[in-house]
Amino acid sequence: MSLACGLPLLECIYCIACVRWAWNRCLHTASHDSENWGIATPEEFEPVPRICRLILAVYEEDIQKPQWAPIGGYRIDPAFFIVRKKYEDTQGRVPPYVIYLDHGNHDIVLAVSGLNLAKVSDYAVLWDNRLGQRKFDGGYVHNGLLKAAGWVLDAECETLRELLEKNPGYTLTFAGHSLGSGVASLLSVVVVQNRDRLGNLERKRIRSFAVAPVRCMSLNLAVRYADVINSIVLQDDFLPRTATPLEDMFKSLFCLPCILCLRCMRDTCIPEERMLKDPRRLYAPGRLYHIVERKPFRCRRFPPVVRTAVPVDGRFEHIVISCNAASDHAIIWIEREAQKALDLMLEKDRIAEIPQKQRMERQETIEREHSEEHITALRRAVTLAVPHAFAPYPYGTFDRFSSEHFVVGEGSLGAQKCKQRKSWDELIERLFEKDESGHMVLRKM
């Protein structure tokens, strides 16, 4: 009798737990992901709208007659496009990209376009991966995106070095949208490791902007390169939150959408402790900037607010059930909302009438706070036992990473020295091979 009474009780508890989980998932909004983050300042967020504009220029057929009118005050001069590569030029190895010499901002920008749904070659890059296939710099990265990044750098290394030599003091910026964000992020990582190929360029002069970022590197790499890579996410964008491997996601999209749904549900149910312990799991890279413009249970848009952090746990782990999840991925919307957010920041500064000296002091404070936040994130990664996470160097600054840093690996009893990073020649040898005519071609995996 007691057993018969116990079964319905267990079923009720189980059903209540399932309903509670589903209720919490349905009520999860994008603002929850970054509610504890700090607010970005205009100094650090200023490059984002113009970077979006340069990425949009890659999509233009005729740069002299742009399809999308400039939103902010930034104007692109067609005379300063140094390189423009289309699919025909890259032979489908990488999405189209440009190199632009921005004299006004003392910047050399290499911008990569996103996924073209009509191009089979983009899917080939996307699907060239499986979980844990590519080990790189003590972590894991997306294999196809690393190949694309290697191809771009091998093709443009000489051009970039010449531009840096002719324009001393200029920063080198890699930028990309969607699929191109993964190429740009991994490109910056490879360049940081091989700065001698570009005339011993200082690490602080290298940066990357991943707009609507794809998950392309393991957590230890995503945190370690937070001083170089910046990811920009608009509200409910689905891609930075999609933990399901991209190649599986798009294959499911074209065959059985229910498989995609089941995989996303499975990823949602995985405990966060287990996620952090999986060294193969890929994440959105670097420092995160989250543009929040909608509030829970509100239909209309609000003045956008930009929050920023270098999170370790809670790093866009849950899909947001929203009708805007796809539209928030569009580069044109990201540019508009980023420009609105920047205008609001600048307006507040004008109202406050902040003197130039105080602005410079604030910029120094921001850099110092970012350094401290980066060190804190690295320490937290080690505390949470994230596999292969580097502990901060005991003296000096966090951007002096070298082979002397200590690494905490899975199941290790203590710290041990990490292996020397792969040289440029080793990377090219792994990714490319010579054909019968002596030309370098991608190695078949």
Protein backbone atom coordinates (compact mmCIF):
# COMPACT_ATOMS: atom_id res chain seq x y z
CA MET A 1 0.00 0.00 0.00
CA SER A 2 2.82 2.40 0.94
CA LEU A 3 4.63 1.56 -2.33
CA ALA A 4 1.50 2.34 -4.37
CA CYS A 5 1.16 5.70 -2.62
CA GLY A 6 4.85 6.46 -3.11
CA LEU A 7 4.86 6.10 -6.89
CA PRO A 8 2.37 8.93 -7.63
CA LEU A 9 4.27 11.13 -5.18
CA LEU A 10 7.56 10.52 -7.01
CA GLU A 11 5.88 11.20 -10.34
CA CYS A 12 4.43 14.46 -9.03
CA ILE A 13 7.83 15.58 -7.74
CA TYR A 14 9.41 14.70 -11.07
CA CYS A 15 6.73 16.59 -13.03
CA ILE A 16 7.02 19.63 -10.77
CA ALA A 17 10.79 19.66 -11.24
CA CYS A 18 10.40 19.46 -15.04
CA VAL A 19 7.81 22.25 -15.07
CA ARG A 20 10.05 24.42 -12.87
CA TRP A 21 13.03 23.85 -15.17
CA ALA A 22 10.95 24.67 -18.28
CA TRP A 23 9.49 27.75 -16.58
CA ASN A 24 12.94 29.05 -15.66
CA ARG A 25 14.21 28.43 -19.17
CA CYS A 26 11.28 30.27 -20.74
CA LEU A 27 11.77 33.20 -18.38
CA HIS A 28 15.53 33.38 -18.98
CA THR A 29 16.28 36.64 -20.75
CA ALA A 30 19.44 38.07 -22.27
CA SER A 31 19.75 40.65 -19.52
CA HIS A 32 20.31 37.84 -17.00
CA ASP A 33 23.55 36.86 -18.73
CA SER A 34 25.27 40.17 -17.97
CA GLU A 35 23.31 41.62 -15.06
CA ASN A 36 26.36 41.56 -12.76
CA TRP A 37 28.82 43.00 -15.30
CA GLY A 38 30.23 46.51 -15.26
CA ILE A 39 29.12 49.29 -17.61
CA ALA A 40 31.39 50.02 -20.59
CA THR A 41 32.82 53.52 -21.09
CA PRO A 42 32.93 55.48 -24.38
CA GLU A 43 36.73 55.24 -24.53
CA GLU A 44 36.75 51.45 -24.69
CA PHE A 45 33.60 51.07 -26.82
CA GLU A 46 34.43 53.83 -29.35
CA PRO A 47 35.98 51.52 -32.02
CA VAL A 48 32.97 49.17 -32.24
CA PRO A 49 30.62 51.14 -34.58
CA ARG A 50 33.39 51.97 -37.06
CA ILE A 51 34.64 48.37 -36.98
CA CYS A 52 31.08 47.27 -37.85
CA ARG A 53 31.09 49.78 -40.72
CA LEU A 54 34.36 48.34 -42.07
CA ILE A 55 32.95 44.80 -41.87
CA LEU A 56 29.89 46.00 -43.78
CA ALA A 57 32.25 47.34 -46.46
CA VAL A 58 33.39 43.76 -47.14
CA TYR A 59 29.83 42.92 -48.21
CA GLU A 60 29.64 45.87 -50.64
CA GLU A 61 29.85 45.09 -54.35
CA ASP A 62 30.84 48.67 -55.19
CA ILE A 63 32.52 50.52 -52.35
CA GLN A 64 32.07 53.82 -54.22
CA LYS A 65 28.30 53.36 -54.05
CA PRO A 66 27.55 51.70 -50.70
CA GLN A 67 24.20 49.98 -50.18
CA TRP A 68 24.11 50.93 -46.50
CA ALA A 69 24.38 54.60 -45.66
CA PRO A 70 26.78 55.50 -42.80
CA ILE A 71 24.98 55.82 -39.47
CA GLY A 72 27.56 57.65 -37.37
CA GLY A 73 30.10 60.29 -38.26
CA TYR A 74 32.65 57.75 -39.52
CA ARG A 75 33.30 57.77 -43.26
CA ILE A 76 35.28 55.21 -45.25
CA ASP A 77 37.66 56.48 -47.91
CA PRO A 78 37.78 53.95 -50.80
CA ALA A 79 41.31 55.14 -51.66
CA PHE A 80 42.69 53.53 -48.50
CA PHE A 81 41.57 49.97 -49.21
CA ILE A 82 44.89 48.19 -49.60
CA VAL A 83 43.49 44.70 -50.28
CA ARG A 84 40.05 43.45 -51.31
CA LYS A 85 39.66 39.69 -51.66
CA LYS A 86 36.52 37.94 -52.95
CA TYR A 87 35.67 34.25 -53.03
CA GLU A 88 37.37 33.94 -56.42
CA ASP A 89 40.62 35.25 -54.91
CA THR A 90 40.57 33.02 -51.84
CA GLN A 91 39.34 29.94 -53.74
CA GLY A 92 36.80 29.41 -50.98
CA ARG A 93 39.49 28.88 -48.32
CA VAL A 94 38.20 31.83 -46.31
CA PRO A 95 35.27 34.30 -46.55
CA PRO A 96 35.98 37.62 -48.36
CA TYR A 97 38.10 40.14 -46.48
CA VAL A 98 39.68 43.59 -46.83
CA ILE A 99 42.70 45.42 -45.45
CA TYR A 100 41.99 49.08 -44.75
CA LEU A 101 44.45 51.78 -43.69
CA ASP A 102 42.61 54.03 -41.24
CA HIS A 103 44.85 57.10 -40.90
CA GLY A 104 42.27 58.99 -38.84
CA ASN A 105 42.44 56.42 -36.05
CA HIS A 106 46.04 55.26 -36.64
CA ASP A 107 44.81 51.75 -37.30
CA ILE A 108 45.42 48.96 -39.83
CA VAL A 109 42.27 46.86 -40.08
CA LEU A 110 41.81 43.41 -41.59
CA ALA A 111 38.06 42.74 -41.70
CA VAL A 112 36.44 39.39 -42.61
CA SER A 113 32.82 38.90 -43.69
CA GLY A 114 30.42 36.37 -42.18
CA LEU A 115 28.74 33.21 -43.41
CA ASN A 116 27.20 33.41 -46.88
CA LEU A 117 24.28 30.98 -46.91
CA ALA A 118 24.63 30.59 -50.69
CA LYS A 119 28.33 29.60 -50.65
CA VAL A 120 29.24 25.94 -50.23
CA SER A 121 32.84 26.89 -49.42
CA ASP A 122 31.72 28.66 -46.22
CA TYR A 123 29.99 25.49 -45.06
CA ALA A 124 33.18 23.55 -45.85
CA VAL A 125 35.09 25.84 -43.46
CA LEU A 126 32.32 25.55 -40.87
CA TRP A 127 32.04 21.76 -41.00
CA ASP A 128 35.79 21.12 -40.98
CA ASN A 129 35.81 20.28 -37.30
CA ARG A 130 34.87 17.71 -34.72
CA LEU A 131 34.92 17.91 -30.95
CA GLY A 132 38.51 17.95 -29.71
CA GLN A 133 40.01 17.67 -33.20
CA ARG A 134 42.44 20.59 -33.10
CA LYS A 135 44.76 21.20 -30.16
CA PHE A 136 46.42 24.59 -30.15
CA ASP A 137 48.46 26.57 -27.62
CA GLY A 138 47.44 24.39 -24.68
CA GLY A 139 43.74 24.39 -25.60
CA TYR A 140 41.33 23.51 -28.37
CA VAL A 141 40.17 25.57 -31.35
CA HIS A 142 37.87 25.13 -34.33
CA ASN A 143 39.89 23.30 -36.99
CA GLY A 144 38.35 24.89 -40.11
CA LEU A 145 38.56 28.42 -38.72
CA LEU A 146 42.21 27.93 -37.73
CA LYS A 147 42.99 26.77 -41.28
CA ALA A 148 41.25 29.85 -42.69
CA ALA A 149 43.18 32.11 -40.30
CA GLY A 150 46.46 30.47 -41.31
CA TRP A 151 45.64 30.96 -44.98
CA VAL A 152 44.91 34.68 -44.52
CA LEU A 153 48.07 35.35 -42.54
CA ASP A 154 50.23 33.39 -44.97
CA ALA A 155 48.74 35.41 -47.86
CA GLU A 156 48.89 38.85 -46.21
CA CYS A 157 51.87 38.64 -43.86
CA GLU A 158 54.17 40.64 -46.15
CA THR A 159 51.51 43.30 -46.78
CA LEU A 160 50.80 43.74 -43.07
CA ARG A 161 54.48 43.97 -42.18
CA GLU A 162 55.08 46.63 -44.86
CA LEU A 163 52.10 48.67 -43.62
CA LEU A 164 53.35 48.48 -40.03
CA GLU A 165 56.83 49.56 -41.10
CA LYS A 166 55.49 52.52 -43.09
CA ASN A 167 53.09 53.54 -40.30
CA PRO A 168 54.96 53.21 -36.98
CA GLY A 169 52.76 53.39 -33.92
CA TYR A 170 49.61 52.19 -35.72
CA THR A 171 47.57 49.42 -34.12
CA LEU A 172 46.80 46.19 -35.99
CA THR A 173 43.13 45.21 -35.76
CA PHE A 174 41.50 41.98 -36.90
CA ALA A 175 37.72 42.09 -37.15
CA GLY A 176 34.99 39.77 -38.35
CA HIS A 177 31.29 39.05 -38.19
CA SER A 178 29.75 35.63 -37.48
CA LEU A 179 31.93 33.06 -39.26
CA GLY A 180 34.50 35.80 -39.94
CA SER A 181 34.69 36.56 -36.20
CA GLY A 182 36.21 33.14 -35.61
CA VAL A 183 38.76 33.69 -38.37
CA ALA A 184 39.68 37.13 -36.95
CA SER A 185 39.96 35.83 -33.37
CA LEU A 186 42.23 32.92 -34.26
CA LEU A 187 44.20 35.17 -36.60
CA SER A 188 44.98 37.49 -33.69
CA VAL A 189 46.04 34.53 -31.52
CA VAL A 190 48.44 33.25 -34.20
CA VAL A 191 49.87 36.76 -34.72
CA VAL A 192 50.41 37.23 -30.96
CA GLN A 193 52.39 34.00 -30.91
CA ASN A 194 54.44 34.98 -33.95
CA ARG A 195 54.99 38.71 -33.54
CA ASP A 196 58.46 38.42 -35.03
CA ARG A 197 56.80 37.77 -38.40
CA LEU A 198 55.44 41.33 -38.26
CA GLY A 199 58.56 43.09 -37.05
CA ASN A 200 58.30 42.20 -33.33
CA LEU A 201 55.00 44.01 -32.97
CA GLU A 202 54.05 44.74 -29.35
CA ARG A 203 51.19 42.66 -27.97
CA LYS A 204 49.33 45.76 -26.81
CA ARG A 205 49.18 47.01 -30.43
CA ILE A 206 47.33 43.86 -31.55
CA ARG A 207 43.60 43.59 -31.03
CA SER A 208 40.60 41.78 -32.41
CA PHE A 209 36.87 42.53 -32.57
CA ALA A 210 34.57 39.52 -32.92
CA VAL A 211 31.12 40.86 -33.81
CA ALA A 212 28.32 38.33 -33.18
CA PRO A 213 31.07 35.87 -32.25
CA VAL A 214 31.15 32.20 -33.06
CA ARG A 215 32.36 29.78 -30.38
CA CYS A 216 35.85 29.01 -31.64
CA MET A 217 38.23 28.34 -28.72
CA SER A 218 38.33 26.53 -25.40
CA LEU A 219 37.73 28.40 -22.15
CA ASN A 220 41.37 28.68 -21.13
CA LEU A 221 42.24 30.37 -24.45
CA ALA A 222 39.12 32.56 -24.39
CA VAL A 223 40.14 33.97 -21.00
CA ARG A 224 43.90 34.11 -21.64
CA TYR A 225 43.52 36.29 -24.75
CA ALA A 226 40.94 38.65 -23.23
CA ASP A 227 43.44 41.52 -23.42
CA VAL A 228 43.56 41.11 -27.22
CA ILE A 229 40.12 39.83 -28.31
CA ASN A 230 36.85 41.72 -27.78
CA SER A 231 33.51 40.03 -28.51
CA ILE A 232 30.40 42.12 -29.17
CA VAL A 233 26.99 40.52 -28.61
CA LEU A 234 23.64 42.20 -29.29
CA GLN A 235 20.91 41.25 -26.80
CA ASP A 236 19.49 37.80 -27.73
CA ASP A 237 21.93 36.74 -30.48
CA PHE A 238 21.77 32.95 -30.74
CA LEU A 239 25.29 32.19 -32.06
CA PRO A 240 27.44 33.05 -28.99
CA ARG A 241 25.00 30.99 -26.90
CA THR A 242 24.93 27.92 -29.16
CA ALA A 243 27.14 25.37 -27.45
CA THR A 244 26.19 22.70 -29.99
CA PRO A 245 29.10 22.37 -32.45
CA LEU A 246 28.44 24.57 -35.47
CA GLU A 247 28.91 21.79 -37.98
CA ASP A 248 26.24 19.71 -36.20
CA MET A 249 23.94 22.72 -35.85
CA PHE A 250 23.85 23.55 -39.56
CA LYS A 251 23.67 19.90 -40.63
CA SER A 252 20.67 19.46 -38.34
CA LEU A 253 19.16 22.67 -39.68
CA PHE A 254 19.09 21.20 -43.19
CA CYS A 255 17.94 17.69 -42.29
CA LEU A 256 16.13 17.24 -38.97
CA PRO A 257 15.48 20.42 -36.93
CA CYS A 258 14.26 18.23 -34.09
CA ILE A 259 17.82 16.88 -33.70
CA LEU A 260 19.05 20.44 -33.23
CA CYS A 261 16.38 21.07 -30.63
CA LEU A 262 17.26 17.91 -28.73
CA ARG A 263 20.97 18.73 -28.76
CA CYS A 264 20.34 22.27 -27.48
CA MET A 265 18.11 20.85 -24.74
CA ARG A 266 20.82 18.36 -23.80
CA ASP A 267 23.44 21.12 -23.61
CA THR A 268 21.13 23.17 -21.41
CA CYS A 269 20.76 20.28 -18.95
CA ILE A 270 24.52 19.76 -18.53
CA PRO A 271 25.65 21.01 -15.09
CA GLU A 272 27.96 24.02 -15.23
CA GLU A 273 30.67 22.20 -13.26
CA ARG A 274 30.80 19.57 -15.98
CA MET A 275 30.94 22.23 -18.70
CA LEU A 276 33.94 23.89 -17.08
CA LYS A 277 35.78 20.58 -16.74
CA ASP A 278 35.40 19.74 -20.45
CA PRO A 279 38.57 21.08 -22.15
CA ARG A 280 37.12 20.51 -25.64
CA ARG A 281 34.07 22.73 -25.17
CA LEU A 282 34.36 25.91 -27.25
CA TYR A 283 33.38 29.42 -26.13
CA ALA A 284 32.97 32.94 -27.44
CA PRO A 285 36.46 34.46 -27.22
CA GLY A 286 38.01 37.25 -25.15
CA ARG A 287 36.42 40.14 -23.27
CA LEU A 288 32.65 40.30 -23.81
CA TYR A 289 30.60 43.41 -24.55
CA HIS A 290 26.86 42.82 -24.26
CA ILE A 291 24.51 45.42 -25.78
CA VAL A 292 21.24 45.25 -23.84
CA GLU A 293 18.27 47.10 -25.32
CA ARG A 294 15.18 45.12 -24.25
CA LYS A 295 13.83 44.32 -20.82
CA PRO A 296 11.84 41.28 -19.60
CA PHE A 297 8.15 41.34 -20.54
CA ARG A 298 8.62 44.56 -22.56
CA CYS A 299 8.00 44.58 -26.32
CA ARG A 300 9.64 47.85 -27.33
CA ARG A 301 13.36 48.69 -27.44
CA PHE A 302 14.98 50.84 -24.77
CA PRO A 303 18.10 53.03 -24.93
CA PRO A 304 20.90 50.47 -25.27
CA VAL A 305 23.29 49.85 -22.40
CA VAL A 306 26.67 48.14 -22.91
CA ARG A 307 27.93 45.83 -20.18
CA THR A 308 31.38 44.30 -20.21
CA ALA A 309 33.35 41.65 -18.34
CA VAL A 310 35.82 38.79 -18.67
CA PRO A 311 33.58 36.06 -17.25
CA VAL A 312 34.71 32.50 -16.67
CA ASP A 313 31.52 30.79 -15.53
CA GLY A 314 28.16 31.96 -16.89
CA ARG A 315 29.66 32.83 -20.27
CA PHE A 316 26.50 32.92 -22.47
CA GLU A 317 25.66 29.30 -21.67
CA HIS A 318 21.89 29.35 -22.31
CA ILE A 319 19.88 29.90 -25.47
CA VAL A 320 17.39 32.77 -25.05
CA ILE A 321 13.90 31.90 -26.25
CA SER A 322 13.22 35.04 -28.26
CA CYS A 323 11.82 36.05 -31.63
CA ASN A 324 14.83 38.38 -31.97
CA ALA A 325 17.48 35.67 -31.58
CA ALA A 326 18.15 35.66 -35.34
CA SER A 327 17.69 39.38 -36.12
CA ASP A 328 20.10 40.34 -33.32
CA HIS A 329 22.79 38.48 -35.24
CA ALA A 330 22.61 40.86 -38.23
CA ILE A 331 25.63 43.14 -38.61
CA ILE A 332 23.48 46.11 -39.69
CA TRP A 333 21.45 45.95 -36.46
CA ILE A 334 24.56 45.55 -34.35
CA GLU A 335 26.10 48.65 -35.96
CA ARG A 336 22.95 50.71 -35.35
CA GLU A 337 22.57 49.75 -31.71
CA ALA A 338 26.30 50.10 -31.04
CA GLN A 339 26.23 53.62 -32.48
CA LYS A 340 23.17 54.51 -30.38
CA ALA A 341 24.89 53.20 -27.25
CA LEU A 342 28.06 55.15 -28.01
CA ASP A 343 26.10 58.36 -28.69
CA LEU A 344 24.35 58.01 -25.33
CA MET A 345 27.68 57.53 -23.55
CA LEU A 346 29.18 60.59 -25.24
CA GLU A 347 26.06 62.65 -24.47
CA LYS A 348 26.37 61.84 -20.77
CA ASP A 349 30.00 62.93 -20.89
CA ARG A 350 29.06 66.22 -22.56
CA ILE A 351 26.40 66.89 -19.93
CA ALA A 352 28.90 66.15 -17.17
CA GLU A 353 31.45 68.41 -18.93
CA ILE A 354 34.41 66.17 -18.15
CA PRO A 355 37.72 68.01 -18.76
CA GLN A 356 40.28 66.52 -21.15
CA LYS A 357 42.76 65.81 -18.36
CA GLN A 358 40.16 63.80 -16.45
CA ARG A 359 39.31 61.89 -19.64
CA MET A 360 42.94 60.85 -20.00
CA GLU A 361 43.05 59.82 -16.36
CA ARG A 362 39.87 57.80 -16.85
CA GLN A 363 41.42 56.05 -19.86
CA GLU A 364 44.42 55.04 -17.73
CA THR A 365 42.04 53.85 -15.01
CA ILE A 366 40.11 51.74 -17.53
CA GLU A 367 43.29 50.07 -18.75
CA ARG A 368 44.35 49.35 -15.18
CA GLU A 369 40.93 47.96 -14.26
CA HIS A 370 40.88 45.77 -17.36
CA SER A 371 44.28 44.39 -16.42
CA GLU A 372 43.12 43.61 -12.89
CA GLU A 373 39.89 42.06 -14.17
CA HIS A 374 41.84 39.90 -16.59
CA ILE A 375 44.13 38.65 -13.81
CA THR A 376 41.09 37.92 -11.63
CA ALA A 377 39.48 35.90 -14.44
CA LEU A 378 42.65 33.87 -14.91
CA ARG A 379 42.84 33.14 -11.20
CA ARG A 380 39.19 32.12 -11.13
CA ALA A 381 39.77 29.77 -14.07
CA VAL A 382 42.53 28.06 -12.08
CA THR A 383 40.36 28.00 -8.92
CA LEU A 384 37.52 26.33 -10.86
CA ALA A 385 40.02 23.76 -12.17
CA VAL A 386 39.44 24.70 -15.80
CA PRO A 387 41.78 22.34 -17.70
CA HIS A 388 45.05 23.91 -18.83
CA ALA A 389 44.19 27.33 -17.38
CA PHE A 390 47.30 29.47 -16.78
CA ALA A 391 47.72 31.07 -13.40
CA PRO A 392 48.68 34.77 -13.51
CA TYR A 393 52.38 35.45 -13.54
CA PRO A 394 53.51 36.20 -9.96
CA TYR A 395 55.22 39.44 -11.01
CA GLY A 396 54.99 41.69 -14.03
CA THR A 397 51.86 42.32 -16.08
CA PHE A 398 49.39 39.76 -17.40
CA ASP A 399 50.26 40.50 -21.04
CA ARG A 400 53.76 39.06 -20.64
CA PHE A 401 52.68 35.47 -21.21
CA SER A 402 55.52 33.15 -22.11
CA SER A 403 56.49 29.51 -21.86
CA GLU A 404 57.51 30.16 -18.23
CA HIS A 405 53.88 30.46 -17.12
CA PHE A 406 52.50 27.69 -15.05
CA VAL A 407 49.60 25.54 -16.17
CA VAL A 408 47.13 23.51 -14.14
CA GLY A 409 46.00 20.48 -16.11
CA GLU A 410 43.32 17.86 -15.56
CA GLY A 411 44.24 15.61 -12.70
CA SER A 412 47.60 17.32 -12.12
CA LEU A 413 48.97 17.41 -8.59
CA GLY A 414 50.58 20.79 -9.01
CA ALA A 415 51.86 23.33 -11.46
CA GLN A 416 54.08 22.35 -14.34
CA LYS A 417 55.70 24.34 -17.11
CA CYS A 418 53.69 24.56 -20.31
CA LYS A 419 55.23 23.50 -23.61
CA GLN A 420 56.73 26.00 -25.99
CA ARG A 421 54.16 27.41 -28.38
CA LYS A 422 54.13 26.24 -31.93
CA SER A 423 56.23 28.38 -34.21
CA TRP A 424 54.88 29.92 -37.38
CA ASP A 425 56.75 27.40 -39.55
CA GLU A 426 55.29 24.48 -37.62
CA LEU A 427 51.78 25.89 -37.96
CA ILE A 428 52.13 26.36 -41.71
CA GLU A 429 53.62 22.87 -42.05
CA ARG A 430 50.63 21.39 -40.23
CA LEU A 431 48.02 23.31 -42.21
CA PHE A 432 49.56 23.34 -45.68
CA GLU A 433 51.45 21.10 -48.09
CA LYS A 434 53.03 21.59 -51.51
CA ASP A 435 51.26 20.32 -54.62
CA GLU A 436 52.95 18.98 -57.77
CA SER A 437 53.61 22.50 -59.07
CA GLY A 438 55.28 23.55 -55.81
CA HIS A 439 52.41 25.82 -54.60
CA MET A 440 51.17 25.73 -51.02
CA VAL A 441 47.70 24.17 -50.63
CA LEU A 442 45.64 23.24 -47.58
CA ARG A 443 46.52 19.83 -46.19
CA LYS A 444 43.64 17.37 -46.22
CA MET A 445 42.72 16.23 -42.73
